[in-house]
Amino acid sequence: MRHRGLTLFVAVICSFGISVWTLDAQEKKAGQTDWVEGYVRAVGEGTATPSGNRGRDQLRAVRAATILAQRALLEMVKELRIDSETTVEKRMNQEDRIHTHVEGTIRGAEIVQQSVRWDGDTPIATVELRICMGGVGACQTPKSIMNALALDHKDEPAYAPSRRLNEMEGGREAPIPQVREVVPDPNKPVTGVIFNLQGLSFSHEYLPVVITIGEGNKPFTVYSVKSVDPQTIRTYGVVRYAHSVEQARQNPHLGDNMMTIPVSGVTKENMIVIGMDAARLIWETTRHGNDYLKSAKVVIAEK
C-alpha cells in the first residue's frame, strides 16, 4: 500500500497528542517548485498538546511539522513532469524501486528553516524543507529526485518523431544556413545551445523533446533523452532552464561560444519546435567530434 509509512507515522504522533496541519499555499507560500534553481521546497506546521514538559512538547511539535513538510514535498514532487506522458507519480507507481528511492530522498530533505513559537504552554513549530530536483539548476546533490528516478534508463516518449536529426540531410552536404543572432563567433566550435521560447507557453519537464518540421511536413527529433550520453544524464540531466537568454548565457556549462535558437512553436504534446534552418545549423555544428548535445549543453530560456 502506497505511503503506508508516512500514514502510520502521522497516526502514531497524533495518538501522542500532536496536531498537524499545512499552511495555506497562496497566503503563506507553503510550497514552491523552481525549475531554474532546481529545487522543491515545502513548509509544515504542527503543535503538541501541553504535557507539562516543554522540551518534550517542543520536540513533538517539530516532529509533527517535519512530517507534514515531508508529505507536502512528496505531493509536489509527484506532480513533476518527466515528459508529457509521465509524471513522477506515474513512474513511482510503475516501479516499486523508484517509489522507494523517491520516498527515501524525501525523508532526507534538507532543513532550510525551523522555528518554534509558543501560545501559552502550546508549542507551534514551523519546518521548511528543500530537496534538489537534480540536473536542472544550481541546487545539486547526489540525493536528488533526478537520481532517484534513474532517468538514464528512460526511453523517449511515444510521441517523439522516430526520424532523427542526423537523418535530416539524407547524407547530402548542405551549406550552413543563416539564422539570426545564433553564434557569437562562427569561426569557433559551438560549445552549447540556448533554445529561446520567446514567451511561448511551455510546461517544464525533465526530458523535453525538440523537433523540426522537414520537407513534406515530416517531423524530425532534434534533441531528446536519446541524444545524451547516459553518464551525463545521471550526473547533469538533459536540460537546464533559465528565465531569460541573458541569464542562460551566464551558465558556465554552455561554454563561451553558445548559440541561441529561436523557438517557433510548442506542440500539444509540449514538444519544442524550431525552424528547419536552425535544425540544420545544429546538425552541422554537432558533426566532426563536437557533439555538445551528447554532453547536454542545452538550456531552455523562457524569453
C-alpha atoms as a PDB file:
ATOM      1  CA  MET A   1       0.000   0.000   0.000  1.00  0.00           C
ATOM      2  CA  ARG A   2       1.491   3.339  -1.079  1.00  0.00           C
ATOM      3  CA  HIS A   3       2.748   5.811   1.547  1.00  0.00           C
ATOM      4  CA  ARG A   4       1.812   3.497   4.411  1.00  0.00           C
ATOM      5  CA  GLY A   5       4.924   4.541   6.322  1.00  0.00           C
ATOM      6  CA  LEU A   6       4.004   8.204   6.318  1.00  0.00           C
ATOM      7  CA  THR A   7       0.372   7.444   7.150  1.00  0.00           C
ATOM      8  CA  LEU A   8       1.282   5.236  10.102  1.00  0.00           C
ATOM      9  CA  PHE A   9       3.729   7.821  11.424  1.00  0.00           C
ATOM     10  CA  VAL A  10       1.053  10.521  11.411  1.00  0.00           C
ATOM     11  CA  ALA A  11      -1.340   8.159  13.196  1.00  0.00           C
ATOM     12  CA  VAL A  12       1.269   7.418  15.875  1.00  0.00           C
ATOM     13  CA  ILE A  13       2.183  11.020  16.566  1.00  0.00           C
ATOM     14  CA  CYS A  14      -1.487  12.021  16.721  1.00  0.00           C
ATOM     15  CA  SER A  15      -2.023   9.352  19.366  1.00  0.00           C
ATOM     16  CA  PHE A  16       0.565  11.178  21.474  1.00  0.00           C
ATOM     17  CA  GLY A  17      -1.433  14.384  21.419  1.00  0.00           C
ATOM     18  CA  ILE A  18       0.206  16.050  18.433  1.00  0.00           C
ATOM     19  CA  SER A  19      -1.796  18.030  15.923  1.00  0.00           C
ATOM     20  CA  VAL A  20      -0.606  18.688  12.393  1.00  0.00           C
ATOM     21  CA  TRP A  21      -1.664  20.895   9.506  1.00  0.00           C
ATOM     22  CA  THR A  22      -0.201  22.595   6.468  1.00  0.00           C
ATOM     23  CA  LEU A  23      -0.088  26.303   5.754  1.00  0.00           C
ATOM     24  CA  ASP A  24      -2.200  27.938   3.095  1.00  0.00           C
ATOM     25  CA  ALA A  25      -0.144  27.685  -0.113  1.00  0.00           C
ATOM     26  CA  GLN A  26      -1.061  31.080  -1.523  1.00  0.00           C
ATOM     27  CA  GLU A  27      -1.149  33.242   1.574  1.00  0.00           C
ATOM     28  CA  LYS A  28       1.841  31.723   3.389  1.00  0.00           C
ATOM     29  CA  LYS A  29       3.842  30.259   0.491  1.00  0.00           C
ATOM     30  CA  ALA A  30       3.749  26.692   1.811  1.00  0.00           C
ATOM     31  CA  GLY A  31       5.497  25.291  -1.231  1.00  0.00           C
ATOM     32  CA  GLN A  32       7.463  26.192  -4.317  1.00  0.00           C
ATOM     33  CA  THR A  33       8.874  24.382  -7.347  1.00  0.00           C
ATOM     34  CA  ASP A  34      11.739  26.241  -9.019  1.00  0.00           C
ATOM     35  CA  TRP A  35      12.952  24.692 -12.284  1.00  0.00           C
ATOM     36  CA  VAL A  36      15.580  27.392 -12.819  1.00  0.00           C
ATOM     37  CA  GLU A  37      17.320  26.982  -9.465  1.00  0.00           C
ATOM     38  CA  GLY A  38      16.380  23.301  -9.402  1.00  0.00           C
ATOM     39  CA  TYR A  39      14.599  22.678  -6.113  1.00  0.00           C
ATOM     40  CA  VAL A  40      11.259  21.917  -4.489  1.00  0.00           C
ATOM     41  CA  ARG A  41      10.540  23.407  -1.074  1.00  0.00           C
ATOM     42  CA  ALA A  42       7.632  22.946   1.337  1.00  0.00           C
ATOM     43  CA  VAL A  43       6.589  24.113   4.797  1.00  0.00           C
ATOM     44  CA  GLY A  44       4.830  22.152   7.529  1.00  0.00           C
ATOM     45  CA  GLU A  45       3.367  23.450  10.780  1.00  0.00           C
ATOM     46  CA  GLY A  46       2.437  21.398  13.821  1.00  0.00           C
ATOM     47  CA  THR A  47       1.738  21.587  17.530  1.00  0.00           C
ATOM     48  CA  ALA A  48       1.562  19.331  20.574  1.00  0.00           C
ATOM     49  CA  THR A  49      -0.879  19.107  23.453  1.00  0.00           C
ATOM     50  CA  PRO A  50       0.826  20.527  26.563  1.00  0.00           C
ATOM     51  CA  SER A  51       2.107  17.770  28.858  1.00  0.00           C
ATOM     52  CA  GLY A  52       3.942  19.870  31.419  1.00  0.00           C
ATOM     53  CA  ASN A  53       7.304  19.036  29.831  1.00  0.00           C
ATOM     54  CA  ARG A  54       8.091  21.935  27.483  1.00  0.00           C
ATOM     55  CA  GLY A  55      11.181  20.270  25.977  1.00  0.00           C
ATOM     56  CA  ARG A  56       9.302  17.137  25.057  1.00  0.00           C
ATOM     57  CA  ASP A  57       6.321  19.117  23.753  1.00  0.00           C
ATOM     58  CA  GLN A  58       8.582  21.205  21.544  1.00  0.00           C
ATOM     59  CA  LEU A  59      10.207  18.071  20.122  1.00  0.00           C
ATOM     60  CA  ARG A  60       6.818  16.568  19.331  1.00  0.00           C
ATOM     61  CA  ALA A  61       5.671  19.758  17.612  1.00  0.00           C
ATOM     62  CA  VAL A  62       8.821  19.825  15.460  1.00  0.00           C
ATOM     63  CA  ARG A  63       8.337  16.169  14.527  1.00  0.00           C
ATOM     64  CA  ALA A  64       4.744  16.907  13.521  1.00  0.00           C
ATOM     65  CA  ALA A  65       5.785  19.893  11.401  1.00  0.00           C
ATOM     66  CA  THR A  66       8.547  17.876   9.754  1.00  0.00           C
ATOM     67  CA  ILE A  67       6.273  15.020   8.716  1.00  0.00           C
ATOM     68  CA  LEU A  68       3.775  17.490   7.262  1.00  0.00           C
ATOM     69  CA  ALA A  69       6.526  19.226   5.295  1.00  0.00           C
ATOM     70  CA  GLN A  70       7.679  15.836   4.013  1.00  0.00           C
ATOM     71  CA  ARG A  71       4.162  14.962   2.932  1.00  0.00           C
ATOM     72  CA  ALA A  72       3.790  18.324   1.186  1.00  0.00           C
ATOM     73  CA  LEU A  73       7.115  17.779  -0.588  1.00  0.00           C
ATOM     74  CA  LEU A  74       6.029  14.338  -1.727  1.00  0.00           C
ATOM     75  CA  GLU A  75       2.774  15.633  -3.185  1.00  0.00           C
ATOM     76  CA  MET A  76       4.628  18.387  -5.055  1.00  0.00           C
ATOM     77  CA  VAL A  77       7.325  16.036  -6.331  1.00  0.00           C
ATOM     78  CA  LYS A  78       4.713  13.578  -7.607  1.00  0.00           C
ATOM     79  CA  GLU A  79       3.391  16.319  -9.905  1.00  0.00           C
ATOM     80  CA  LEU A  80       6.764  16.969 -11.563  1.00  0.00           C
ATOM     81  CA  ARG A  81       6.728  16.139 -15.253  1.00  0.00           C
ATOM     82  CA  ILE A  82       9.289  13.735 -16.663  1.00  0.00           C
ATOM     83  CA  ASP A  83       7.775  14.154 -20.123  1.00  0.00           C
ATOM     84  CA  SER A  84       4.279  14.840 -21.391  1.00  0.00           C
ATOM     85  CA  GLU A  85       3.244  11.224 -20.839  1.00  0.00           C
ATOM     86  CA  THR A  86       4.853  10.617 -17.468  1.00  0.00           C
ATOM     87  CA  THR A  87       4.826  12.332 -14.108  1.00  0.00           C
ATOM     88  CA  VAL A  88       6.969  11.328 -11.157  1.00  0.00           C
ATOM     89  CA  GLU A  89       3.871   9.798  -9.558  1.00  0.00           C
ATOM     90  CA  LYS A  90       3.273   7.603 -12.593  1.00  0.00           C
ATOM     91  CA  ARG A  91       6.881   6.422 -12.581  1.00  0.00           C
ATOM     92  CA  MET A  92       6.644   5.681  -8.856  1.00  0.00           C
ATOM     93  CA  ASN A  93       3.529   3.605  -9.457  1.00  0.00           C
ATOM     94  CA  GLN A  94       5.189   1.721 -12.299  1.00  0.00           C
ATOM     95  CA  GLU A  95       8.296   0.675 -10.378  1.00  0.00           C
ATOM     96  CA  ASP A  96       8.497  -0.102  -6.655  1.00  0.00           C
ATOM     97  CA  ARG A  97      12.225   0.575  -6.752  1.00  0.00           C
ATOM     98  CA  ILE A  98      11.643   4.140  -7.974  1.00  0.00           C
ATOM     99  CA  HIS A  99       8.887   4.590  -5.394  1.00  0.00           C
ATOM    100  CA  THR A 100      11.235   3.569  -2.591  1.00  0.00           C
ATOM    101  CA  HIS A 101      14.068   5.780  -3.820  1.00  0.00           C
ATOM    102  CA  VAL A 102      11.850   8.854  -4.160  1.00  0.00           C
ATOM    103  CA  GLU A 103      10.360   8.480  -0.679  1.00  0.00           C
ATOM    104  CA  GLY A 104      13.850   7.894   0.744  1.00  0.00           C
ATOM    105  CA  THR A 105      15.041  11.088  -0.923  1.00  0.00           C
ATOM    106  CA  ILE A 106      12.104  12.998   0.567  1.00  0.00           C
ATOM    107  CA  ARG A 107      12.936  11.732   4.041  1.00  0.00           C
ATOM    108  CA  GLY A 108      16.484  13.038   3.573  1.00  0.00           C
ATOM    109  CA  ALA A 109      15.345  16.529   2.571  1.00  0.00           C
ATOM    110  CA  GLU A 110      17.426  19.471   3.765  1.00  0.00           C
ATOM    111  CA  ILE A 111      16.068  21.521   6.676  1.00  0.00           C
ATOM    112  CA  VAL A 112      16.161  25.110   5.435  1.00  0.00           C
ATOM    113  CA  GLN A 113      14.487  26.746   8.406  1.00  0.00           C
ATOM    114  CA  GLN A 114      12.989  25.633  11.705  1.00  0.00           C
ATOM    115  CA  SER A 115      11.300  27.688  14.394  1.00  0.00           C
ATOM    116  CA  VAL A 116       9.011  27.261  17.396  1.00  0.00           C
ATOM    117  CA  ARG A 117       6.700  29.864  18.884  1.00  0.00           C
ATOM    118  CA  TRP A 118       4.578  29.462  21.988  1.00  0.00           C
ATOM    119  CA  ASP A 119       0.935  30.181  22.612  1.00  0.00           C
ATOM    120  CA  GLY A 120       0.928  29.925  26.365  1.00  0.00           C
ATOM    121  CA  ASP A 121       2.092  26.360  27.046  1.00  0.00           C
ATOM    122  CA  THR A 122       1.359  25.174  23.499  1.00  0.00           C
ATOM    123  CA  PRO A 123       4.300  24.951  21.052  1.00  0.00           C
ATOM    124  CA  ILE A 124       3.695  25.761  17.393  1.00  0.00           C
ATOM    125  CA  ALA A 125       6.555  24.563  15.200  1.00  0.00           C
ATOM    126  CA  THR A 126       7.277  25.520  11.611  1.00  0.00           C
ATOM    127  CA  VAL A 127       9.699  23.499   9.471  1.00  0.00           C
ATOM    128  CA  GLU A 128      10.775  24.326   5.925  1.00  0.00           C
ATOM    129  CA  LEU A 129      12.351  21.537   3.868  1.00  0.00           C
ATOM    130  CA  ARG A 130      14.047  21.639   0.490  1.00  0.00           C
ATOM    131  CA  ILE A 131      15.075  18.946  -1.942  1.00  0.00           C
ATOM    132  CA  CYS A 132      17.100  19.254  -5.141  1.00  0.00           C
ATOM    133  CA  MET A 133      15.431  18.252  -8.381  1.00  0.00           C
ATOM    134  CA  GLY A 134      18.843  17.396  -9.851  1.00  0.00           C
ATOM    135  CA  GLY A 135      20.344  18.351 -13.182  1.00  0.00           C
ATOM    136  CA  VAL A 136      18.083  21.281 -13.995  1.00  0.00           C
ATOM    137  CA  GLY A 137      19.519  24.028 -11.798  1.00  0.00           C
ATOM    138  CA  ALA A 138      22.094  25.239  -9.321  1.00  0.00           C
ATOM    139  CA  CYS A 139      20.734  23.055  -6.498  1.00  0.00           C
ATOM    140  CA  GLN A 140      22.943  19.983  -6.839  1.00  0.00           C
ATOM    141  CA  THR A 141      23.368  16.956  -4.603  1.00  0.00           C
ATOM    142  CA  PRO A 142      23.694  13.188  -5.188  1.00  0.00           C
ATOM    143  CA  LYS A 143      20.454  12.754  -3.220  1.00  0.00           C
ATOM    144  CA  SER A 144      18.183  14.378  -5.790  1.00  0.00           C
ATOM    145  CA  ILE A 145      14.850  13.476  -7.332  1.00  0.00           C
ATOM    146  CA  MET A 146      16.519  13.015 -10.719  1.00  0.00           C
ATOM    147  CA  ASN A 147      18.901  10.417  -9.339  1.00  0.00           C
ATOM    148  CA  ALA A 148      16.057   8.607  -7.624  1.00  0.00           C
ATOM    149  CA  LEU A 149      14.164   8.413 -10.936  1.00  0.00           C
ATOM    150  CA  ALA A 150      17.039   6.736 -12.848  1.00  0.00           C
ATOM    151  CA  LEU A 151      16.276   8.771 -15.961  1.00  0.00           C
ATOM    152  CA  ASP A 152      19.238   7.363 -17.880  1.00  0.00           C
ATOM    153  CA  HIS A 153      17.052   4.268 -18.370  1.00  0.00           C
ATOM    154  CA  LYS A 154      14.014   6.235 -19.575  1.00  0.00           C
ATOM    155  CA  ASP A 155      13.031   5.821 -23.227  1.00  0.00           C
ATOM    156  CA  GLU A 156      11.799   8.599 -25.464  1.00  0.00           C
ATOM    157  CA  PRO A 157       8.059   9.261 -25.220  1.00  0.00           C
ATOM    158  CA  ALA A 158       5.963   7.634 -27.924  1.00  0.00           C
ATOM    159  CA  TYR A 159       5.081  10.980 -29.493  1.00  0.00           C
ATOM    160  CA  ALA A 160       8.734  11.851 -30.307  1.00  0.00           C
ATOM    161  CA  PRO A 161       9.352  11.568 -34.069  1.00  0.00           C
ATOM    162  CA  SER A 162      11.284   8.424 -34.999  1.00  0.00           C
ATOM    163  CA  ARG A 163      13.324  10.328 -37.596  1.00  0.00           C
ATOM    164  CA  ARG A 164      16.473  11.795 -36.089  1.00  0.00           C
ATOM    165  CA  LEU A 165      18.445  14.945 -36.714  1.00  0.00           C
ATOM    166  CA  ASN A 166      21.280  13.033 -38.368  1.00  0.00           C
ATOM    167  CA  GLU A 167      18.838  11.644 -40.942  1.00  0.00           C
ATOM    168  CA  MET A 168      17.556  15.028 -41.986  1.00  0.00           C
ATOM    169  CA  GLU A 169      20.010  15.663 -44.824  1.00  0.00           C
ATOM    170  CA  GLY A 170      19.932  12.128 -46.115  1.00  0.00           C
ATOM    171  CA  GLY A 171      23.728  12.057 -46.449  1.00  0.00           C
ATOM    172  CA  ARG A 172      23.904  15.244 -48.546  1.00  0.00           C
ATOM    173  CA  GLU A 173      26.214  18.068 -47.632  1.00  0.00           C
ATOM    174  CA  ALA A 174      24.335  21.315 -47.139  1.00  0.00           C
ATOM    175  CA  PRO A 175      25.560  24.873 -46.709  1.00  0.00           C
ATOM    176  CA  ILE A 176      25.358  26.273 -43.191  1.00  0.00           C
ATOM    177  CA  PRO A 177      22.086  28.206 -43.161  1.00  0.00           C
ATOM    178  CA  GLN A 178      21.749  31.769 -41.971  1.00  0.00           C
ATOM    179  CA  VAL A 179      19.878  32.083 -38.674  1.00  0.00           C
ATOM    180  CA  ARG A 180      19.574  35.447 -36.986  1.00  0.00           C
ATOM    181  CA  GLU A 181      21.556  36.009 -33.760  1.00  0.00           C
ATOM    182  CA  VAL A 182      22.765  32.472 -33.459  1.00  0.00           C
ATOM    183  CA  VAL A 183      26.515  32.086 -32.984  1.00  0.00           C
ATOM    184  CA  PRO A 184      28.695  34.786 -31.382  1.00  0.00           C
ATOM    185  CA  ASP A 185      31.825  33.610 -33.209  1.00  0.00           C
ATOM    186  CA  PRO A 186      31.149  31.468 -36.316  1.00  0.00           C
ATOM    187  CA  ASN A 187      34.877  30.741 -36.632  1.00  0.00           C
ATOM    188  CA  LYS A 188      34.989  28.806 -33.346  1.00  0.00           C
ATOM    189  CA  PRO A 189      33.334  25.484 -32.431  1.00  0.00           C
ATOM    190  CA  VAL A 190      29.899  25.853 -30.871  1.00  0.00           C
ATOM    191  CA  THR A 191      30.004  24.950 -27.170  1.00  0.00           C
ATOM    192  CA  GLY A 192      26.292  24.784 -26.323  1.00  0.00           C
ATOM    193  CA  VAL A 193      22.807  25.852 -27.353  1.00  0.00           C
ATOM    194  CA  ILE A 194      20.053  28.010 -25.854  1.00  0.00           C
ATOM    195  CA  PHE A 195      16.500  27.441 -27.043  1.00  0.00           C
ATOM    196  CA  ASN A 196      14.685  30.755 -26.634  1.00  0.00           C
ATOM    197  CA  LEU A 197      10.975  30.162 -26.015  1.00  0.00           C
ATOM    198  CA  GLN A 198      10.312  33.857 -26.669  1.00  0.00           C
ATOM    199  CA  GLY A 199       7.498  33.817 -24.132  1.00  0.00           C
ATOM    200  CA  LEU A 200       5.694  30.809 -25.609  1.00  0.00           C
ATOM    201  CA  SER A 201       3.772  28.616 -23.171  1.00  0.00           C
ATOM    202  CA  PHE A 202       5.792  25.530 -22.224  1.00  0.00           C
ATOM    203  CA  SER A 203       5.461  23.158 -19.276  1.00  0.00           C
ATOM    204  CA  HIS A 204       8.810  22.445 -17.621  1.00  0.00           C
ATOM    205  CA  GLU A 205       9.843  18.810 -17.645  1.00  0.00           C
ATOM    206  CA  TYR A 206      12.911  16.660 -17.080  1.00  0.00           C
ATOM    207  CA  LEU A 207      13.067  15.175 -20.583  1.00  0.00           C
ATOM    208  CA  PRO A 208      11.917  17.740 -23.145  1.00  0.00           C
ATOM    209  CA  VAL A 209      11.830  16.952 -26.851  1.00  0.00           C
ATOM    210  CA  VAL A 210      12.937  19.438 -29.534  1.00  0.00           C
ATOM    211  CA  ILE A 211      11.757  18.848 -33.094  1.00  0.00           C
ATOM    212  CA  THR A 212      11.703  20.449 -36.522  1.00  0.00           C
ATOM    213  CA  ILE A 213       9.372  20.022 -39.475  1.00  0.00           C
ATOM    214  CA  GLY A 214      11.083  18.966 -42.678  1.00  0.00           C
ATOM    215  CA  GLU A 215      10.030  18.771 -46.289  1.00  0.00           C
ATOM    216  CA  GLY A 216       6.669  17.166 -46.843  1.00  0.00           C
ATOM    217  CA  ASN A 217       5.660  18.158 -43.296  1.00  0.00           C
ATOM    218  CA  LYS A 218       7.809  15.354 -41.857  1.00  0.00           C
ATOM    219  CA  PRO A 219       8.833  15.852 -38.221  1.00  0.00           C
ATOM    220  CA  PHE A 220      12.390  15.138 -37.060  1.00  0.00           C
ATOM    221  CA  THR A 221      13.657  14.850 -33.485  1.00  0.00           C
ATOM    222  CA  VAL A 222      16.467  17.343 -32.958  1.00  0.00           C
ATOM    223  CA  TYR A 223      17.043  16.731 -29.244  1.00  0.00           C
ATOM    224  CA  SER A 224      15.749  14.311 -26.631  1.00  0.00           C
ATOM    225  CA  VAL A 225      16.953  11.986 -23.887  1.00  0.00           C
ATOM    226  CA  LYS A 226      18.186   9.683 -26.655  1.00  0.00           C
ATOM    227  CA  SER A 227      20.645  12.402 -27.763  1.00  0.00           C
ATOM    228  CA  VAL A 228      22.504  12.423 -24.436  1.00  0.00           C
ATOM    229  CA  ASP A 229      25.180  10.136 -23.035  1.00  0.00           C
ATOM    230  CA  PRO A 230      23.724   8.042 -20.147  1.00  0.00           C
ATOM    231  CA  GLN A 231      26.519   9.061 -17.756  1.00  0.00           C
ATOM    232  CA  THR A 232      25.736  12.714 -18.475  1.00  0.00           C
ATOM    233  CA  ILE A 233      22.061  12.087 -17.715  1.00  0.00           C
ATOM    234  CA  ARG A 234      22.932  10.510 -14.373  1.00  0.00           C
ATOM    235  CA  THR A 235      25.165  13.448 -13.460  1.00  0.00           C
ATOM    236  CA  TYR A 236      23.660  16.533 -15.087  1.00  0.00           C
ATOM    237  CA  GLY A 237      20.311  15.579 -16.597  1.00  0.00           C
ATOM    238  CA  VAL A 238      19.424  16.570 -20.161  1.00  0.00           C
ATOM    239  CA  VAL A 239      18.498  20.251 -19.841  1.00  0.00           C
ATOM    240  CA  ARG A 240      18.764  23.348 -17.692  1.00  0.00           C
ATOM    241  CA  TYR A 241      16.285  26.206 -17.504  1.00  0.00           C
ATOM    242  CA  ALA A 242      16.669  29.979 -17.375  1.00  0.00           C
ATOM    243  CA  HIS A 243      14.271  32.896 -17.030  1.00  0.00           C
ATOM    244  CA  SER A 244      15.929  34.724 -19.904  1.00  0.00           C
ATOM    245  CA  VAL A 245      18.525  34.328 -22.645  1.00  0.00           C
ATOM    246  CA  GLU A 246      20.759  36.729 -20.742  1.00  0.00           C
ATOM    247  CA  GLN A 247      20.624  34.508 -17.664  1.00  0.00           C
ATOM    248  CA  ALA A 248      21.227  31.409 -19.789  1.00  0.00           C
ATOM    249  CA  ARG A 249      24.375  32.942 -21.261  1.00  0.00           C
ATOM    250  CA  GLN A 250      25.828  33.168 -17.761  1.00  0.00           C
ATOM    251  CA  ASN A 251      25.653  29.381 -17.339  1.00  0.00           C
ATOM    252  CA  PRO A 252      29.250  28.123 -17.390  1.00  0.00           C
ATOM    253  CA  HIS A 253      28.114  24.687 -18.565  1.00  0.00           C
ATOM    254  CA  LEU A 254      27.425  26.145 -22.029  1.00  0.00           C
ATOM    255  CA  GLY A 255      30.984  27.309 -22.607  1.00  0.00           C
ATOM    256  CA  ASP A 256      31.986  30.600 -24.221  1.00  0.00           C
ATOM    257  CA  ASN A 257      30.558  30.176 -27.731  1.00  0.00           C
ATOM    258  CA  MET A 258      26.981  29.031 -27.260  1.00  0.00           C
ATOM    259  CA  MET A 259      24.355  29.728 -29.894  1.00  0.00           C
ATOM    260  CA  THR A 260      20.805  30.920 -29.399  1.00  0.00           C
ATOM    261  CA  ILE A 261      17.994  29.301 -31.359  1.00  0.00           C
ATOM    262  CA  PRO A 262      14.547  30.949 -31.514  1.00  0.00           C
ATOM    263  CA  VAL A 263      11.649  28.596 -30.790  1.00  0.00           C
ATOM    264  CA  SER A 264       8.861  28.841 -33.350  1.00  0.00           C
ATOM    265  CA  GLY A 265       6.218  26.858 -31.506  1.00  0.00           C
ATOM    266  CA  VAL A 266       5.223  24.310 -28.867  1.00  0.00           C
ATOM    267  CA  THR A 267       3.073  21.318 -29.825  1.00  0.00           C
ATOM    268  CA  LYS A 268       0.117  19.971 -27.883  1.00  0.00           C
ATOM    269  CA  GLU A 269       2.469  17.246 -26.608  1.00  0.00           C
ATOM    270  CA  ASN A 270       4.706  20.008 -25.219  1.00  0.00           C
ATOM    271  CA  MET A 271       7.443  19.419 -27.819  1.00  0.00           C
ATOM    272  CA  ILE A 272       9.545  22.456 -28.694  1.00  0.00           C
ATOM    273  CA  VAL A 273       9.562  23.281 -32.416  1.00  0.00           C
ATOM    274  CA  ILE A 274      12.434  25.066 -34.151  1.00  0.00           C
ATOM    275  CA  GLY A 275      12.836  26.063 -37.775  1.00  0.00           C
ATOM    276  CA  MET A 276      14.472  23.864 -40.382  1.00  0.00           C
ATOM    277  CA  ASP A 277      17.378  26.283 -40.859  1.00  0.00           C
ATOM    278  CA  ALA A 278      18.083  26.248 -37.122  1.00  0.00           C
ATOM    279  CA  ALA A 279      17.933  22.456 -37.049  1.00  0.00           C
ATOM    280  CA  ARG A 280      20.319  22.210 -39.987  1.00  0.00           C
ATOM    281  CA  LEU A 281      22.722  24.511 -38.179  1.00  0.00           C
ATOM    282  CA  ILE A 282      22.638  22.256 -35.098  1.00  0.00           C
ATOM    283  CA  TRP A 283      23.198  19.244 -37.364  1.00  0.00           C
ATOM    284  CA  GLU A 284      26.192  20.924 -38.963  1.00  0.00           C
ATOM    285  CA  THR A 285      27.775  22.160 -35.717  1.00  0.00           C
ATOM    286  CA  THR A 286      27.480  18.837 -33.883  1.00  0.00           C
ATOM    287  CA  ARG A 287      29.423  16.944 -36.515  1.00  0.00           C
ATOM    288  CA  HIS A 288      33.157  16.238 -36.618  1.00  0.00           C
ATOM    289  CA  GLY A 289      33.518  15.290 -32.943  1.00  0.00           C
ATOM    290  CA  ASN A 290      31.810  18.358 -31.460  1.00  0.00           C
ATOM    291  CA  ASP A 291      28.549  16.845 -30.226  1.00  0.00           C
ATOM    292  CA  TYR A 292      27.586  19.286 -27.459  1.00  0.00           C
ATOM    293  CA  LEU A 293      24.097  17.744 -27.441  1.00  0.00           C
ATOM    294  CA  LYS A 294      25.581  14.459 -26.248  1.00  0.00           C
ATOM    295  CA  SER A 295      27.005  16.371 -23.271  1.00  0.00           C
ATOM    296  CA  ALA A 296      23.589  18.019 -22.604  1.00  0.00           C
ATOM    297  CA  LYS A 297      24.961  21.530 -23.041  1.00  0.00           C
ATOM    298  CA  VAL A 298      21.439  22.769 -23.515  1.00  0.00           C
ATOM    299  CA  VAL A 299      19.433  25.494 -21.789  1.00  0.00           C
ATOM    300  CA  ILE A 300      15.781  26.382 -22.365  1.00  0.00           C
ATOM    301  CA  ALA A 301      15.164  30.088 -21.753  1.00  0.00           C
ATOM    302  CA  GLU A 302      11.692  31.418 -21.099  1.00  0.00           C
ATOM    303  CA  LYS A 303      12.267  34.656 -23.037  1.00  0.00           C
END
